[in-house]
Protein backbone atom coordinates (compact mmCIF):
# COMPACT_ATOMS: atom_id res chain seq x y z
CA MET A 1 0.06 0.12 -0.17
CA LEU A 2 1.22 3.59 -1.14
CA VAL A 3 -0.36 5.90 0.99
CA LEU A 4 0.39 9.78 1.60
CA HIS A 5 -0.17 11.64 4.32
CA LEU A 6 -1.23 15.53 4.10
CA ARG A 7 -0.95 18.44 6.22
CA VAL A 8 -2.61 21.24 4.44
CA ILE A 9 -2.90 24.72 6.53
CA SER A 10 -6.05 26.64 4.97
CA PRO A 11 -7.25 30.27 5.24
CA ARG A 12 -10.89 30.23 7.02
CA GLU A 13 -12.28 31.12 3.89
CA HIS A 14 -11.08 28.18 1.84
CA THR A 15 -11.84 25.31 4.20
CA ASP A 16 -15.07 24.91 3.50
CA ALA A 17 -14.65 24.66 -0.03
CA ALA A 18 -11.39 22.58 0.51
CA VAL A 19 -13.32 20.39 2.81
CA ALA A 20 -16.01 19.85 0.26
CA LEU A 21 -13.36 18.90 -2.58
CA LEU A 22 -11.26 16.74 -0.06
CA ARG A 23 -14.92 14.39 0.94
CA GLN A 24 -15.30 13.85 -2.72
CA ALA A 25 -12.16 12.69 -4.07
CA PRO A 26 -11.27 9.40 -4.85
CA GLY A 27 -8.48 7.70 -2.42
CA LEU A 28 -8.79 9.50 0.22
CA THR A 29 -9.19 8.84 3.94
CA ASN A 30 -9.20 9.72 7.50
CA LEU A 31 -9.67 13.11 6.91
CA VAL A 32 -9.98 15.56 9.88
CA VAL A 33 -10.47 19.24 10.76
CA LEU A 34 -9.06 21.11 13.52
CA PRO A 35 -10.77 24.71 12.89
CA GLY A 36 -8.37 27.36 13.87
CA VAL A 37 -5.49 25.60 15.76
CA ALA A 38 -2.52 27.10 12.91
CA GLN A 39 -1.14 29.90 14.21
CA ASP A 40 1.46 30.74 11.68
CA PRO A 41 0.40 31.05 8.99
CA PRO A 42 -3.21 31.87 10.50
CA GLY A 43 -6.22 28.96 9.38
CA ASP A 44 -7.58 26.03 10.18
CA LEU A 45 -5.36 22.38 9.98
CA LEU A 46 -6.55 19.83 7.72
CA LEU A 47 -5.28 16.69 7.93
CA PHE A 48 -6.00 13.20 6.02
CA ASP A 49 -4.47 10.13 3.80
CA LEU A 50 -4.55 9.56 0.40
CA ALA A 51 -3.59 6.96 -2.11
CA ARG A 52 -0.62 8.14 -3.79
CA GLU A 53 -2.44 7.48 -7.72
CA ALA A 54 -4.59 10.46 -6.54
CA ALA A 55 -2.60 13.14 -4.95
CA ASN A 56 -2.04 15.02 -8.44
CA GLU A 57 -6.11 16.45 -9.11
CA VAL A 58 -6.29 16.52 -5.14
CA ILE A 59 -2.82 18.24 -5.10
CA GLU A 60 -3.77 20.88 -8.25
CA ARG A 61 -6.86 22.09 -6.55
CA LEU A 62 -6.07 22.49 -3.72
CA THR A 63 -3.47 24.60 -5.00
CA GLU A 64 -5.73 26.52 -7.65
CA LEU A 65 -7.97 27.57 -4.18
CA GLY A 66 -4.54 29.77 -3.29
CA ILE A 67 -4.12 27.39 -0.22
CA CYS A 68 -0.63 27.43 -0.85
CA THR A 69 0.08 31.40 -1.44
CA ALA A 70 -2.02 32.14 2.62
CA GLY A 71 -1.80 28.90 3.98
CA SER A 72 0.23 25.55 2.85
CA ILE A 73 0.56 21.66 1.90
CA ALA A 74 2.55 19.26 3.33
CA VAL A 75 3.14 16.01 1.80
CA GLU A 76 4.91 12.47 4.15
CA ASN A 77 4.94 9.02 2.60
CA VAL A 78 3.17 6.54 4.98
CA ASP A 79 5.45 3.49 5.29
CA LEU A 80 2.85 1.53 7.76
CA MET A 81 -1.25 1.62 7.31
CA LEU A 82 -3.02 -0.52 8.82
CA SER A 83 -6.64 0.59 8.42
CA ASP A 84 -9.55 -1.37 6.22
CA ALA A 85 -10.97 2.51 5.39
CA ALA A 86 -7.39 3.04 3.84
CA ASP A 87 -7.68 -0.03 1.82
CA ARG A 88 -10.51 0.32 0.68
CA ALA A 89 -9.58 3.92 -0.35
CA GLU A 90 -7.15 2.63 -2.22
CA GLU A 91 -9.40 0.25 -4.24
CA GLU A 92 -11.09 3.74 -5.30
CA ALA A 93 -8.53 5.24 -6.47
CA PRO A 94 -7.70 5.08 -10.15
CA GLY A 95 -4.63 2.81 -11.48
CA GLU A 96 -1.54 1.83 -8.83
CA GLY A 97 0.60 3.59 -6.43
CA GLU A 98 3.68 2.58 -7.83
CA ASP A 99 3.39 3.71 -11.44
CA ALA A 100 1.85 7.18 -10.00
CA VAL A 101 3.93 9.76 -10.00
CA VAL A 102 3.14 12.91 -7.96
CA TRP A 103 4.65 15.82 -10.23
CA GLU A 104 4.86 18.62 -7.80
CA GLU A 105 7.23 15.83 -5.48
CA LEU A 106 9.22 15.34 -8.67
CA ALA A 107 9.14 19.21 -9.55
CA GLN A 108 10.68 19.44 -5.92
CA ARG A 109 13.01 16.84 -5.67
CA VAL A 110 14.90 17.88 -9.77
CA ASP A 111 14.86 21.69 -8.04
CA ASP A 112 17.08 20.22 -5.36
CA ASP A 113 19.36 18.29 -7.93
CA THR A 114 20.31 21.22 -9.94
CA ARG A 115 21.62 23.63 -6.45
CA ILE A 116 25.61 23.29 -7.02
CA THR A 117 26.50 23.36 -3.15
CA TRP A 118 29.83 21.82 -1.63
CA ALA A 119 28.38 18.37 -0.90
CA PHE A 120 27.81 18.21 -4.90
CA LEU A 121 30.89 19.46 -5.96
CA ALA A 122 33.20 17.40 -3.68
CA PHE A 123 31.14 14.01 -4.20
CA LEU A 124 31.32 14.24 -7.70
CA ALA A 125 35.07 15.19 -7.45
CA ILE A 126 36.01 12.44 -5.50
CA ALA A 127 34.47 10.00 -7.65
CA THR A 128 35.83 11.41 -10.87
CA GLN A 129 39.24 10.86 -8.52
CA ILE A 130 38.70 7.26 -7.71
CA ALA A 131 37.67 6.79 -11.50
CA GLY A 132 41.19 8.41 -12.44
CA ILE A 133 43.00 5.82 -9.78
CA GLY A 134 40.64 2.95 -11.42
CA VAL A 135 42.20 3.89 -15.13
CA VAL A 136 45.78 3.92 -13.75
CA VAL A 137 45.95 0.83 -12.06
CA GLY A 138 43.07 -1.28 -14.02
CA SER A 139 40.85 -1.87 -11.13
CA PRO A 140 37.13 -2.10 -12.33
CA ILE A 141 36.11 -1.86 -8.76
CA LEU A 142 37.50 1.64 -8.15
CA ILE A 143 35.36 2.46 -11.46
CA VAL A 144 32.28 1.04 -10.12
CA GLY A 145 32.39 2.41 -7.02
CA ALA A 146 33.48 5.82 -8.98
CA MET A 147 29.70 4.87 -10.80
CA VAL A 148 28.47 4.49 -7.71
CA LEU A 149 29.62 8.09 -6.37
CA GLY A 150 27.97 10.05 -8.61
CA PRO A 151 25.72 12.00 -7.93
CA GLU A 152 24.77 13.73 -11.83
CA PHE A 153 22.10 11.83 -12.21
CA GLY A 154 19.96 14.42 -10.53
CA ALA A 155 20.70 17.24 -12.63
CA ILE A 156 20.03 14.64 -16.06
CA ALA A 157 17.04 13.77 -14.82
CA ALA A 158 15.96 17.48 -14.08
CA ILE A 159 17.20 18.46 -18.12
CA SER A 160 14.27 15.43 -18.67
CA PHE A 161 11.93 17.39 -16.69
CA GLY A 162 12.82 20.60 -17.94
CA LEU A 163 11.92 19.64 -21.49
CA LEU A 164 8.45 17.99 -20.42
CA ARG A 165 7.40 20.93 -18.53
CA ARG A 166 9.26 23.12 -21.23
CA ARG A 167 10.92 24.96 -18.44
CA ALA A 168 14.01 26.42 -19.81
CA ASP A 169 14.72 27.94 -16.52
CA LEU A 170 14.71 24.48 -14.96
CA ILE A 171 16.61 22.93 -18.16
CA ALA A 172 19.36 25.66 -17.62
CA ARG A 173 20.33 25.06 -14.52
CA ALA A 174 21.11 21.65 -14.39
CA VAL A 175 22.83 22.48 -17.24
CA ARG A 176 24.98 24.60 -15.62
CA ALA A 177 24.98 21.62 -12.74
CA LEU A 178 26.92 19.31 -14.94
CA VAL A 179 29.01 21.74 -16.72
CA VAL A 180 30.19 23.58 -12.97
CA GLY A 181 30.47 20.10 -11.67
CA PHE A 182 32.36 18.10 -14.45
CA ALA A 183 34.55 20.82 -14.91
CA VAL A 184 35.95 21.49 -11.05
CA ALA A 185 36.01 17.64 -10.75
CA MET A 186 37.66 17.16 -13.70
CA ALA A 187 40.09 20.10 -12.98
CA ILE A 188 41.12 18.27 -8.98
CA THR A 189 41.56 15.26 -10.76
CA PHE A 190 43.77 16.31 -13.68
CA ALA A 191 45.86 18.45 -11.28
CA CYS A 192 46.12 15.48 -9.25
CA ALA A 193 46.98 13.09 -12.41
CA LEU A 194 49.62 16.01 -12.99
CA VAL A 195 51.38 16.33 -9.64
CA SER A 196 51.68 12.19 -10.06
CA THR A 197 53.37 12.56 -13.26
CA TRP A 198 56.17 14.87 -11.82
CA LEU A 199 56.46 12.28 -8.65
CA GLY A 200 57.55 9.81 -11.56
CA TRP A 201 53.89 7.50 -9.81
CA ILE A 202 52.03 7.30 -13.47
CA ASP A 203 53.33 7.74 -17.21
CA ALA A 204 51.28 7.38 -20.59
CA THR A 205 52.50 3.72 -21.20
CA MET A 206 49.81 2.42 -17.83
CA LEU A 207 46.53 3.67 -20.10
CA ASP A 208 47.44 0.44 -22.75
CA SER A 209 48.68 -1.33 -19.99
CA HIS A 210 45.02 -2.60 -18.81
CA PRO A 211 42.40 -3.69 -21.38
CA GLU A 212 39.45 -4.18 -18.57
CA VAL A 213 39.30 -0.44 -18.42
CA GLU A 214 39.49 0.23 -22.22
CA PHE A 215 35.38 0.42 -22.25
CA ILE A 216 35.60 3.66 -21.21
CA VAL A 217 37.21 5.17 -24.39
CA LYS A 218 35.38 2.90 -26.71
CA PRO A 219 31.72 4.41 -26.99
CA ASP A 220 29.99 2.96 -29.79
CA LYS A 221 26.36 2.05 -30.31
CA TRP A 222 25.69 -0.33 -27.64
CA SER A 223 27.00 2.65 -25.38
CA PHE A 224 24.21 4.17 -25.85
CA ILE A 225 21.52 1.60 -25.94
CA VAL A 226 22.48 0.70 -21.96
CA ALA A 227 22.85 4.88 -21.77
CA LEU A 228 19.38 5.09 -23.31
CA LEU A 229 18.11 1.45 -20.73
CA ALA A 230 19.49 3.35 -17.82
CA GLY A 231 17.62 6.82 -17.80
CA ALA A 232 14.87 4.94 -18.82
CA ALA A 233 15.40 2.79 -15.14
CA GLY A 234 16.60 5.73 -13.71
CA VAL A 235 13.51 8.39 -13.98
CA LEU A 236 11.64 4.87 -13.02
CA SER A 237 13.37 4.67 -9.90
CA ILE A 238 13.06 8.29 -8.59
CA THR A 239 9.79 8.58 -10.02
CA ALA A 240 8.87 4.94 -7.73
CA GLY A 241 11.39 5.80 -4.72
CA LYS A 242 13.01 2.89 -5.71
CA SER A 243 16.54 3.80 -4.72
CA SER A 244 18.10 0.71 -4.88
CA ALA A 245 17.59 0.35 -8.59
CA LEU A 246 18.66 3.89 -9.04
CA VAL A 247 21.86 2.62 -7.63
CA GLY A 248 21.66 0.12 -10.72
CA VAL A 249 21.40 2.82 -13.00
CA PHE A 250 24.69 4.96 -11.53
CA ILE A 251 26.56 1.42 -11.91
CA SER A 252 25.41 0.72 -15.63
CA VAL A 253 27.09 4.32 -17.70
CA THR A 254 30.40 5.17 -17.28
CA THR A 255 30.10 9.10 -16.98
CA VAL A 256 32.04 9.90 -14.04
CA PRO A 257 34.89 7.09 -15.12
CA ALA A 258 34.98 8.58 -18.76
CA ALA A 259 35.69 12.50 -16.78
CA GLY A 260 38.19 10.35 -14.69
CA TYR A 261 39.74 8.84 -17.71
CA ALA A 262 39.80 12.07 -19.70
CA SER A 263 41.07 14.12 -16.84
CA VAL A 264 43.93 11.39 -16.57
CA ALA A 265 44.90 11.26 -20.57
CA LEU A 266 45.18 15.13 -20.06
CA ALA A 267 47.37 15.09 -18.04
CA LEU A 268 49.80 12.66 -19.56
CA GLY A 269 48.67 13.84 -23.31
CA ALA A 270 47.36 10.78 -24.32
CA TRP A 271 44.90 13.25 -27.02
CA GLY A 272 43.24 10.53 -28.41
CA ASP A 273 42.14 8.78 -25.39
CA VAL A 274 41.06 12.32 -24.51
CA GLY A 275 38.74 12.94 -26.97
CA ALA A 276 37.04 8.98 -27.56
CA SER A 277 36.48 9.38 -23.11
CA ALA A 278 35.06 12.86 -24.04
CA LEU A 279 32.90 11.50 -26.10
CA GLN A 280 31.85 8.23 -23.79
CA LEU A 281 30.81 11.43 -21.65
CA ALA A 282 28.42 13.04 -23.91
CA VAL A 283 26.80 9.82 -24.78
CA ASN A 284 25.79 8.61 -21.98
CA ILE A 285 24.80 11.99 -20.67
CA LEU A 286 22.91 12.44 -24.33
CA GLY A 287 21.24 8.73 -24.39
CA MET A 288 19.97 8.80 -19.86
CA ILE A 289 18.24 12.39 -21.35
CA VAL A 290 16.25 11.11 -23.77
CA ALA A 291 15.71 8.49 -22.30
CA GLY A 292 14.76 10.08 -19.29
CA THR A 293 11.93 12.56 -21.19
CA LEU A 294 10.51 9.66 -23.29
CA THR A 295 9.76 7.78 -19.69
CA LEU A 296 8.22 11.00 -17.97
CA LEU A 297 6.32 11.78 -21.31
CA ILE A 298 4.66 8.08 -21.22
CA GLN A 299 4.18 8.00 -17.69
CA HIS A 300 2.06 11.63 -17.97
CA TYR A 301 0.41 9.97 -21.04
CA LEU A 302 -0.72 6.57 -18.61
CA GLY A 303 -1.54 8.96 -16.00
CA ALA A 304 -3.90 11.66 -17.60
CA ARG A 305 -5.59 8.09 -19.45
CA TYR A 306 -6.45 6.53 -15.81
CA HIS A 307 -7.41 9.97 -14.16
CA ARG A 308 -10.33 10.25 -12.31
CA ALA A 309 -11.77 13.76 -11.82
CA VAL A 310 -12.63 14.79 -8.82
CA PRO A 311 -16.12 16.48 -9.35
CA LEU A 312 -16.38 20.22 -9.03
CA THR A 313 -17.67 21.88 -5.54
CA HIS A 314 -20.18 24.84 -5.68
CA GLN A 315 -17.88 27.88 -4.96
CA GLU A 316 -15.13 26.09 -8.06
CA ARG A 317 -18.17 25.82 -10.50
CA GLY A 318 -18.97 29.30 -9.84
CA ARG A 319 -15.34 31.00 -9.76
CA ARG A 320 -14.51 29.34 -13.61
CA GLU A 321 -18.16 30.70 -14.81
């Protein structure tokens, strides 16, 4: 059972309309109305549980009432719900909770993932350095570890979401996060590799002596196909809340290893490998963006197809007329 708990602070002038809307919403149960208890912002407190697949319209209609402007809507996942009423509510809701995408939740998540924070830069830089070390010592284990550690998929998913919603501002922020993040990570890895060459720890022959990592500099049709599959799986894992599946996505694509390989190759003057690994990075990112956008488009279409509208209240009907 996938159930959401919502806490709504409603201005008093909107409460009657909000309660009337909620009473007609499929998939809703455990409605509690506490008049006048909210202090900041002032208003009435509405508490209720809602099947995940019914969340989008309820949140949209509450937003149309102006509750987000003068009040607030908070949503949290319920890990355990023991209730026959909740079971009936979920049966009433159209579709399956695991297939449902709560679009406002996804919008907030991808918006957060486009922020260039110290943590984002640190994780990406550390992952790229681990990948660079994995390249020179020929360790697939280090390569896989770098794949898991990289935080770049959030920004890639944000680009897909921005394309779906035609949000140029979100796309621009996500592209900036990727460009700045990889530029910083590769610059740090390049500097470390350059120092290692001065110390005599690595040389250009090491790039040719480890065939087990050569796949990073050999982009082909399979690289793009894997990127497409990983992009689709990544978006599905985010929208369905399957974090374990997202780890598999990280292991599938060679974005961070390609950045690490390019940085080391640049320090060693292996210009052919620099271009090939940079192409690998671009192919993987492009493939994930294409697949992620198509996956979101399909989810949006399916959600609209199986959508069951909540009847308009008298107040809403009068306002729209």
